[in-house]
Amino acid sequence: MPVLTWKVEPEYSEEARVSGLEGTVVIGFIIDPQGRPRDLRVIQGLGMGLDESALRAVSQWRFRPAYKDGKPVAVPATAEVNFRLLKR
């Protein structure tokens, strides 16, 4: 199984912040043999710029790749990117 080694947090869009939108964006992707996310797509979105922000963040993540027979291989993966506003 791949292991996440570097994670970038997404930015909240101003439109979503002003609207008070919270929730989870689910991203599907392939972790390539070098541990980079490829072929990213939104499986479940929120809109208001949060889908794009989640895609940008996950595209920068890095993984220790999966191995089969001692060689790194590409594997499918999903990620849940949560958007929560801090309550004041």
PDB file of N, CA and C in Angstrom:
ATOM      1  N   MET A   1       0.840  -1.195   0.000  1.00  0.00           N
ATOM      2  CA  MET A   1       0.000   0.000   0.000  1.00  0.00           C
ATOM      3  C   MET A   1       0.880   1.253   0.000  1.00  0.00           C
ATOM      4  N   PRO A   2       0.462   2.283  -0.721  1.00  0.00           N
ATOM      5  CA  PRO A   2       1.203   3.550  -0.691  1.00  0.00           C
ATOM      6  C   PRO A   2       1.090   4.213   0.680  1.00  0.00           C
ATOM      7  N   VAL A   3       2.065   5.047   0.997  1.00  0.00           N
ATOM      8  CA  VAL A   3       2.068   5.784   2.260  1.00  0.00           C
ATOM      9  C   VAL A   3       2.247   7.264   1.946  1.00  0.00           C
ATOM     10  N   LEU A   4       1.347   8.087   2.480  1.00  0.00           N
ATOM     11  CA  LEU A   4       1.431   9.532   2.280  1.00  0.00           C
ATOM     12  C   LEU A   4       2.667  10.075   2.991  1.00  0.00           C
ATOM     13  N   THR A   5       3.517  10.804   2.259  1.00  0.00           N
ATOM     14  CA  THR A   5       4.738  11.356   2.859  1.00  0.00           C
ATOM     15  C   THR A   5       4.748  12.880   2.861  1.00  0.00           C
ATOM     16  N   TRP A   6       3.926  13.518   2.036  1.00  0.00           N
ATOM     17  CA  TRP A   6       3.872  14.984   1.964  1.00  0.00           C
ATOM     18  C   TRP A   6       2.452  15.390   1.641  1.00  0.00           C
ATOM     19  N   LYS A   7       1.896  16.291   2.459  1.00  0.00           N
ATOM     20  CA  LYS A   7       0.502  16.709   2.276  1.00  0.00           C
ATOM     21  C   LYS A   7       0.415  18.225   2.251  1.00  0.00           C
ATOM     22  N   VAL A   8      -0.274  18.744   1.265  1.00  0.00           N
ATOM     23  CA  VAL A   8      -0.547  20.170   1.150  1.00  0.00           C
ATOM     24  C   VAL A   8      -2.025  20.371   1.484  1.00  0.00           C
ATOM     25  N   GLU A   9      -2.306  21.311   2.370  1.00  0.00           N
ATOM     26  CA  GLU A   9      -3.698  21.589   2.737  1.00  0.00           C
ATOM     27  C   GLU A   9      -4.333  22.512   1.691  1.00  0.00           C
ATOM     28  N   PRO A  10      -5.604  22.315   1.376  1.00  0.00           N
ATOM     29  CA  PRO A  10      -6.277  23.167   0.392  1.00  0.00           C
ATOM     30  C   PRO A  10      -6.611  24.535   0.976  1.00  0.00           C
ATOM     31  N   GLU A  11      -6.778  25.490   0.095  1.00  0.00           N
ATOM     32  CA  GLU A  11      -7.203  26.826   0.509  1.00  0.00           C
ATOM     33  C   GLU A  11      -8.716  26.942   0.364  1.00  0.00           C
ATOM     34  N   TYR A  12      -9.332  27.643   1.291  1.00  0.00           N
ATOM     35  CA  TYR A  12     -10.769  27.911   1.230  1.00  0.00           C
ATOM     36  C   TYR A  12     -10.994  29.017   0.217  1.00  0.00           C
ATOM     37  N   SER A  13     -11.934  28.839  -0.678  1.00  0.00           N
ATOM     38  CA  SER A  13     -12.263  29.926  -1.608  1.00  0.00           C
ATOM     39  C   SER A  13     -13.033  31.002  -0.841  1.00  0.00           C
ATOM     40  N   GLU A  14     -12.877  32.236  -1.257  1.00  0.00           N
ATOM     41  CA  GLU A  14     -13.570  33.336  -0.582  1.00  0.00           C
ATOM     42  C   GLU A  14     -15.081  33.176  -0.701  1.00  0.00           C
ATOM     43  N   GLU A  15     -15.542  32.722  -1.873  1.00  0.00           N
ATOM     44  CA  GLU A  15     -16.973  32.518  -2.098  1.00  0.00           C
ATOM     45  C   GLU A  15     -17.547  31.503  -1.104  1.00  0.00           C
ATOM     46  N   ALA A  16     -16.841  30.398  -0.907  1.00  0.00           N
ATOM     47  CA  ALA A  16     -17.303  29.367   0.028  1.00  0.00           C
ATOM     48  C   ALA A  16     -17.240  29.862   1.470  1.00  0.00           C
ATOM     49  N   ARG A  17     -16.197  30.634   1.792  1.00  0.00           N
ATOM     50  CA  ARG A  17     -16.050  31.164   3.150  1.00  0.00           C
ATOM     51  C   ARG A  17     -17.213  32.099   3.482  1.00  0.00           C
ATOM     52  N   VAL A  18     -17.501  33.022   2.568  1.00  0.00           N
ATOM     53  CA  VAL A  18     -18.585  33.996   2.791  1.00  0.00           C
ATOM     54  C   VAL A  18     -19.932  33.279   2.910  1.00  0.00           C
ATOM     55  N   SER A  19     -20.125  32.221   2.130  1.00  0.00           N
ATOM     56  CA  SER A  19     -21.385  31.465   2.146  1.00  0.00           C
ATOM     57  C   SER A  19     -21.489  30.516   3.330  1.00  0.00           C
ATOM     58  N   GLY A  20     -20.361  30.290   4.027  1.00  0.00           N
ATOM     59  CA  GLY A  20     -20.362  29.367   5.155  1.00  0.00           C
ATOM     60  C   GLY A  20     -20.416  27.905   4.732  1.00  0.00           C
ATOM     61  N   LEU A  21     -20.000  27.612   3.489  1.00  0.00           N
ATOM     62  CA  LEU A  21     -20.042  26.250   2.964  1.00  0.00           C
ATOM     63  C   LEU A  21     -18.977  25.369   3.622  1.00  0.00           C
ATOM     64  N   GLU A  22     -19.399  24.228   4.128  1.00  0.00           N
ATOM     65  CA  GLU A  22     -18.502  23.237   4.699  1.00  0.00           C
ATOM     66  C   GLU A  22     -18.856  21.881   4.106  1.00  0.00           C
ATOM     67  N   GLY A  23     -17.908  20.971   4.140  1.00  0.00           N
ATOM     68  CA  GLY A  23     -18.188  19.630   3.653  1.00  0.00           C
ATOM     69  C   GLY A  23     -16.926  18.927   3.201  1.00  0.00           C
ATOM     70  N   THR A  24     -17.106  17.870   2.420  1.00  0.00           N
ATOM     71  CA  THR A  24     -16.002  17.026   1.991  1.00  0.00           C
ATOM     72  C   THR A  24     -16.020  16.878   0.474  1.00  0.00           C
ATOM     73  N   VAL A  25     -14.845  17.042  -0.127  1.00  0.00           N
ATOM     74  CA  VAL A  25     -14.650  16.768  -1.543  1.00  0.00           C
ATOM     75  C   VAL A  25     -13.902  15.442  -1.634  1.00  0.00           C
ATOM     76  N   VAL A  26     -14.408  14.529  -2.455  1.00  0.00           N
ATOM     77  CA  VAL A  26     -13.751  13.238  -2.641  1.00  0.00           C
ATOM     78  C   VAL A  26     -13.060  13.251  -4.007  1.00  0.00           C
ATOM     79  N   ILE A  27     -11.758  12.972  -3.983  1.00  0.00           N
ATOM     80  CA  ILE A  27     -10.934  12.980  -5.186  1.00  0.00           C
ATOM     81  C   ILE A  27     -10.487  11.550  -5.487  1.00  0.00           C
ATOM     82  N   GLY A  28     -10.638  11.121  -6.728  1.00  0.00           N
ATOM     83  CA  GLY A  28     -10.108   9.846  -7.180  1.00  0.00           C
ATOM     84  C   GLY A  28      -8.862  10.107  -8.007  1.00  0.00           C
ATOM     85  N   PHE A  29      -7.870   9.236  -7.916  1.00  0.00           N
ATOM     86  CA  PHE A  29      -6.633   9.436  -8.657  1.00  0.00           C
ATOM     87  C   PHE A  29      -5.827   8.145  -8.699  1.00  0.00           C
ATOM     88  N   ILE A  30      -4.756   8.176  -9.460  1.00  0.00           N
ATOM     89  CA  ILE A  30      -3.803   7.071  -9.531  1.00  0.00           C
ATOM     90  C   ILE A  30      -2.515   7.543  -8.864  1.00  0.00           C
ATOM     91  N   ILE A  31      -1.936   6.728  -7.996  1.00  0.00           N
ATOM     92  CA  ILE A  31      -0.606   7.010  -7.458  1.00  0.00           C
ATOM     93  C   ILE A  31       0.377   6.289  -8.365  1.00  0.00           C
ATOM     94  N   ASP A  32       1.205   7.058  -9.073  1.00  0.00           N
ATOM     95  CA  ASP A  32       2.117   6.451 -10.049  1.00  0.00           C
ATOM     96  C   ASP A  32       3.309   5.796  -9.351  1.00  0.00           C
ATOM     97  N   PRO A  33       4.141   5.067 -10.094  1.00  0.00           N
ATOM     98  CA  PRO A  33       5.273   4.368  -9.470  1.00  0.00           C
ATOM     99  C   PRO A  33       6.293   5.299  -8.798  1.00  0.00           C
ATOM    100  N   GLN A  34       6.254   6.593  -9.116  1.00  0.00           N
ATOM    101  CA  GLN A  34       7.143   7.554  -8.455  1.00  0.00           C
ATOM    102  C   GLN A  34       6.497   8.185  -7.224  1.00  0.00           C
ATOM    103  N   GLY A  35       5.248   7.792  -6.922  1.00  0.00           N
ATOM    104  CA  GLY A  35       4.565   8.305  -5.736  1.00  0.00           C
ATOM    105  C   GLY A  35       3.829   9.612  -5.958  1.00  0.00           C
ATOM    106  N   ARG A  36       3.586   9.960  -7.222  1.00  0.00           N
ATOM    107  CA  ARG A  36       2.866  11.201  -7.531  1.00  0.00           C
ATOM    108  C   ARG A  36       1.427  10.899  -7.941  1.00  0.00           C
ATOM    109  N   PRO A  37       0.481  11.749  -7.532  1.00  0.00           N
ATOM    110  CA  PRO A  37      -0.909  11.580  -7.963  1.00  0.00           C
ATOM    111  C   PRO A  37      -1.058  11.945  -9.448  1.00  0.00           C
ATOM    112  N   ARG A  38      -1.813  11.145 -10.184  1.00  0.00           N
ATOM    113  CA  ARG A  38      -2.063  11.362 -11.611  1.00  0.00           C
ATOM    114  C   ARG A  38      -3.538  11.126 -11.910  1.00  0.00           C
ATOM    115  N   ASP A  39      -4.012  11.706 -12.989  1.00  0.00           N
ATOM    116  CA  ASP A  39      -5.386  11.481 -13.467  1.00  0.00           C
ATOM    117  C   ASP A  39      -6.414  11.799 -12.384  1.00  0.00           C
ATOM    118  N   LEU A  40      -6.258  12.939 -11.736  1.00  0.00           N
ATOM    119  CA  LEU A  40      -7.162  13.330 -10.657  1.00  0.00           C
ATOM    120  C   LEU A  40      -8.537  13.690 -11.211  1.00  0.00           C
ATOM    121  N   ARG A  41      -9.569  13.316 -10.449  1.00  0.00           N
ATOM    122  CA  ARG A  41     -10.937  13.673 -10.821  1.00  0.00           C
ATOM    123  C   ARG A  41     -11.777  13.823  -9.552  1.00  0.00           C
ATOM    124  N   VAL A  42     -12.768  14.670  -9.621  1.00  0.00           N
ATOM    125  CA  VAL A  42     -13.685  14.864  -8.499  1.00  0.00           C
ATOM    126  C   VAL A  42     -14.757  13.783  -8.567  1.00  0.00           C
ATOM    127  N   ILE A  43     -14.878  13.024  -7.499  1.00  0.00           N
ATOM    128  CA  ILE A  43     -15.913  11.993  -7.393  1.00  0.00           C
ATOM    129  C   ILE A  43     -17.150  12.587  -6.729  1.00  0.00           C
ATOM    130  N   GLN A  44     -16.917  13.398  -5.692  1.00  0.00           N
ATOM    131  CA  GLN A  44     -18.005  14.069  -4.978  1.00  0.00           C
ATOM    132  C   GLN A  44     -17.536  15.480  -4.684  1.00  0.00           C
ATOM    133  N   GLY A  45     -18.248  16.464  -5.199  1.00  0.00           N
ATOM    134  CA  GLY A  45     -17.804  17.847  -5.050  1.00  0.00           C
ATOM    135  C   GLY A  45     -18.728  18.695  -4.195  1.00  0.00           C
ATOM    136  N   LEU A  46     -18.237  19.911  -3.922  1.00  0.00           N
ATOM    137  CA  LEU A  46     -19.004  20.888  -3.158  1.00  0.00           C
ATOM    138  C   LEU A  46     -19.308  22.149  -3.966  1.00  0.00           C
ATOM    139  N   GLY A  47     -18.506  22.421  -4.984  1.00  0.00           N
ATOM    140  CA  GLY A  47     -18.691  23.645  -5.755  1.00  0.00           C
ATOM    141  C   GLY A  47     -18.041  24.844  -5.077  1.00  0.00           C
ATOM    142  N   MET A  48     -18.364  26.022  -5.572  1.00  0.00           N
ATOM    143  CA  MET A  48     -17.869  27.305  -5.043  1.00  0.00           C
ATOM    144  C   MET A  48     -16.345  27.366  -4.944  1.00  0.00           C
ATOM    145  N   GLY A  49     -15.655  26.718  -5.872  1.00  0.00           N
ATOM    146  CA  GLY A  49     -14.200  26.767  -5.903  1.00  0.00           C
ATOM    147  C   GLY A  49     -13.498  25.751  -5.025  1.00  0.00           C
ATOM    148  N   LEU A  50     -14.244  25.014  -4.195  1.00  0.00           N
ATOM    149  CA  LEU A  50     -13.605  24.052  -3.288  1.00  0.00           C
ATOM    150  C   LEU A  50     -13.139  22.794  -4.023  1.00  0.00           C
ATOM    151  N   ASP A  51     -13.858  22.396  -5.066  1.00  0.00           N
ATOM    152  CA  ASP A  51     -13.430  21.230  -5.849  1.00  0.00           C
ATOM    153  C   ASP A  51     -12.061  21.492  -6.467  1.00  0.00           C
ATOM    154  N   GLU A  52     -11.911  22.664  -7.083  1.00  0.00           N
ATOM    155  CA  GLU A  52     -10.642  23.032  -7.713  1.00  0.00           C
ATOM    156  C   GLU A  52      -9.523  23.150  -6.682  1.00  0.00           C
ATOM    157  N   SER A  53      -9.836  23.698  -5.520  1.00  0.00           N
ATOM    158  CA  SER A  53      -8.841  23.822  -4.458  1.00  0.00           C
ATOM    159  C   SER A  53      -8.383  22.446  -3.972  1.00  0.00           C
ATOM    160  N   ALA A  54      -9.325  21.522  -3.838  1.00  0.00           N
ATOM    161  CA  ALA A  54      -8.984  20.164  -3.419  1.00  0.00           C
ATOM    162  C   ALA A  54      -8.110  19.481  -4.474  1.00  0.00           C
ATOM    163  N   LEU A  55      -8.446  19.650  -5.756  1.00  0.00           N
ATOM    164  CA  LEU A  55      -7.637  19.072  -6.831  1.00  0.00           C
ATOM    165  C   LEU A  55      -6.213  19.622  -6.814  1.00  0.00           C
ATOM    166  N   ARG A  56      -6.082  20.943  -6.628  1.00  0.00           N
ATOM    167  CA  ARG A  56      -4.744  21.562  -6.577  1.00  0.00           C
ATOM    168  C   ARG A  56      -3.929  21.004  -5.418  1.00  0.00           C
ATOM    169  N   ALA A  57      -4.558  20.880  -4.252  1.00  0.00           N
ATOM    170  CA  ALA A  57      -3.847  20.386  -3.066  1.00  0.00           C
ATOM    171  C   ALA A  57      -3.407  18.935  -3.261  1.00  0.00           C
ATOM    172  N   VAL A  58      -4.329  18.069  -3.652  1.00  0.00           N
ATOM    173  CA  VAL A  58      -4.006  16.639  -3.786  1.00  0.00           C
ATOM    174  C   VAL A  58      -2.961  16.419  -4.876  1.00  0.00           C
ATOM    175  N   SER A  59      -2.978  17.241  -5.915  1.00  0.00           N
ATOM    176  CA  SER A  59      -1.979  17.083  -6.990  1.00  0.00           C
ATOM    177  C   SER A  59      -0.556  17.314  -6.491  1.00  0.00           C
ATOM    178  N   GLN A  60      -0.406  17.987  -5.343  1.00  0.00           N
ATOM    179  CA  GLN A  60       0.914  18.255  -4.772  1.00  0.00           C
ATOM    180  C   GLN A  60       1.326  17.227  -3.715  1.00  0.00           C
ATOM    181  N   TRP A  61       0.417  16.347  -3.334  1.00  0.00           N
ATOM    182  CA  TRP A  61       0.748  15.327  -2.343  1.00  0.00           C
ATOM    183  C   TRP A  61       1.789  14.377  -2.917  1.00  0.00           C
ATOM    184  N   ARG A  62       2.555  13.756  -2.032  1.00  0.00           N
ATOM    185  CA  ARG A  62       3.545  12.758  -2.443  1.00  0.00           C
ATOM    186  C   ARG A  62       3.395  11.514  -1.568  1.00  0.00           C
ATOM    187  N   PHE A  63       3.668  10.368  -2.179  1.00  0.00           N
ATOM    188  CA  PHE A  63       3.492   9.082  -1.518  1.00  0.00           C
ATOM    189  C   PHE A  63       4.741   8.227  -1.672  1.00  0.00           C
ATOM    190  N   ARG A  64       4.965   7.339  -0.728  1.00  0.00           N
ATOM    191  CA  ARG A  64       5.876   6.224  -0.948  1.00  0.00           C
ATOM    192  C   ARG A  64       5.033   5.227  -1.730  1.00  0.00           C
ATOM    193  N   PRO A  65       5.448   4.858  -2.942  1.00  0.00           N
ATOM    194  CA  PRO A  65       4.580   4.065  -3.817  1.00  0.00           C
ATOM    195  C   PRO A  65       4.337   2.650  -3.298  1.00  0.00           C
ATOM    196  N   ALA A  66       3.320   2.029  -3.886  1.00  0.00           N
ATOM    197  CA  ALA A  66       3.054   0.618  -3.613  1.00  0.00           C
ATOM    198  C   ALA A  66       4.078  -0.222  -4.367  1.00  0.00           C
ATOM    199  N   TYR A  67       4.343  -1.397  -3.855  1.00  0.00           N
ATOM    200  CA  TYR A  67       5.306  -2.302  -4.494  1.00  0.00           C
ATOM    201  C   TYR A  67       4.653  -3.648  -4.765  1.00  0.00           C
ATOM    202  N   LYS A  68       5.031  -4.242  -5.886  1.00  0.00           N
ATOM    203  CA  LYS A  68       4.622  -5.598  -6.214  1.00  0.00           C
ATOM    204  C   LYS A  68       5.848  -6.308  -6.770  1.00  0.00           C
ATOM    205  N   ASP A  69       6.164  -7.434  -6.184  1.00  0.00           N
ATOM    206  CA  ASP A  69       7.346  -8.204  -6.589  1.00  0.00           C
ATOM    207  C   ASP A  69       8.613  -7.345  -6.539  1.00  0.00           C
ATOM    208  N   GLY A  70       8.676  -6.467  -5.533  1.00  0.00           N
ATOM    209  CA  GLY A  70       9.864  -5.647  -5.329  1.00  0.00           C
ATOM    210  C   GLY A  70       9.982  -4.427  -6.220  1.00  0.00           C
ATOM    211  N   LYS A  71       8.962  -4.156  -7.045  1.00  0.00           N
ATOM    212  CA  LYS A  71       9.011  -3.006  -7.954  1.00  0.00           C
ATOM    213  C   LYS A  71       7.848  -2.069  -7.671  1.00  0.00           C
ATOM    214  N   PRO A  72       8.091  -0.737  -7.751  1.00  0.00           N
ATOM    215  CA  PRO A  72       6.982   0.205  -7.541  1.00  0.00           C
ATOM    216  C   PRO A  72       5.966   0.083  -8.668  1.00  0.00           C
ATOM    217  N   VAL A  73       4.676   0.183  -8.289  1.00  0.00           N
ATOM    218  CA  VAL A  73       3.586   0.058  -9.254  1.00  0.00           C
ATOM    219  C   VAL A  73       2.560   1.170  -9.038  1.00  0.00           C
ATOM    220  N   ALA A  74       1.800   1.455 -10.081  1.00  0.00           N
ATOM    221  CA  ALA A  74       0.696   2.412  -9.997  1.00  0.00           C
ATOM    222  C   ALA A  74      -0.507   1.737  -9.353  1.00  0.00           C
ATOM    223  N   VAL A  75      -1.215   2.486  -8.497  1.00  0.00           N
ATOM    224  CA  VAL A  75      -2.417   1.954  -7.851  1.00  0.00           C
ATOM    225  C   VAL A  75      -3.485   3.046  -7.780  1.00  0.00           C
ATOM    226  N   PRO A  76      -4.764   2.658  -7.855  1.00  0.00           N
ATOM    227  CA  PRO A  76      -5.844   3.631  -7.697  1.00  0.00           C
ATOM    228  C   PRO A  76      -5.984   4.034  -6.231  1.00  0.00           C
ATOM    229  N   ALA A  77      -6.449   5.265  -6.010  1.00  0.00           N
ATOM    230  CA  ALA A  77      -6.633   5.765  -4.645  1.00  0.00           C
ATOM    231  C   ALA A  77      -7.760   6.787  -4.623  1.00  0.00           C
ATOM    232  N   THR A  78      -8.280   7.048  -3.445  1.00  0.00           N
ATOM    233  CA  THR A  78      -9.221   8.140  -3.222  1.00  0.00           C
ATOM    234  C   THR A  78      -8.770   8.917  -1.998  1.00  0.00           C
ATOM    235  N   ALA A  79      -9.145  10.178  -1.968  1.00  0.00           N
ATOM    236  CA  ALA A  79      -8.834  11.028  -0.813  1.00  0.00           C
ATOM    237  C   ALA A  79     -10.062  11.862  -0.482  1.00  0.00           C
ATOM    238  N   GLU A  80     -10.337  12.000   0.798  1.00  0.00           N
ATOM    239  CA  GLU A  80     -11.389  12.899   1.271  1.00  0.00           C
ATOM    240  C   GLU A  80     -10.714  14.171   1.757  1.00  0.00           C
ATOM    241  N   VAL A  81     -11.096  15.297   1.157  1.00  0.00           N
ATOM    242  CA  VAL A  81     -10.545  16.588   1.537  1.00  0.00           C
ATOM    243  C   VAL A  81     -11.650  17.351   2.254  1.00  0.00           C
ATOM    244  N   ASN A  82     -11.458  17.585   3.546  1.00  0.00           N
ATOM    245  CA  ASN A  82     -12.486  18.209   4.373  1.00  0.00           C
ATOM    246  C   ASN A  82     -12.299  19.712   4.440  1.00  0.00           C
ATOM    247  N   PHE A  83     -13.404  20.411   4.326  1.00  0.00           N
ATOM    248  CA  PHE A  83     -13.425  21.862   4.455  1.00  0.00           C
ATOM    249  C   PHE A  83     -14.303  22.217   5.638  1.00  0.00           C
ATOM    250  N   ARG A  84     -13.682  22.816   6.660  1.00  0.00           N
ATOM    251  CA  ARG A  84     -14.400  23.219   7.868  1.00  0.00           C
ATOM    252  C   ARG A  84     -13.972  24.643   8.224  1.00  0.00           C
ATOM    253  N   LEU A  85     -14.941  25.476   8.502  1.00  0.00           N
ATOM    254  CA  LEU A  85     -14.648  26.844   8.918  1.00  0.00           C
ATOM    255  C   LEU A  85     -14.432  26.872  10.423  1.00  0.00           C
ATOM    256  N   LEU A  86     -13.461  27.676  10.843  1.00  0.00           N
ATOM    257  CA  LEU A  86     -13.230  27.863  12.282  1.00  0.00           C
ATOM    258  C   LEU A  86     -14.333  28.725  12.853  1.00  0.00           C
ATOM    259  N   LYS A  87     -14.905  28.285  13.935  1.00  0.00           N
ATOM    260  CA  LYS A  87     -15.969  29.051  14.601  1.00  0.00           C
ATOM    261  C   LYS A  87     -15.327  30.100  15.494  1.00  0.00           C
ATOM    262  N   ARG A  88     -15.846  31.299  15.423  1.00  0.00           N
ATOM    263  CA  ARG A  88     -15.303  32.390  16.254  1.00  0.00           C
ATOM    264  C   ARG A  88     -16.184  32.672  17.426  1.00  0.00           C
TER     265      ARG A  88
END
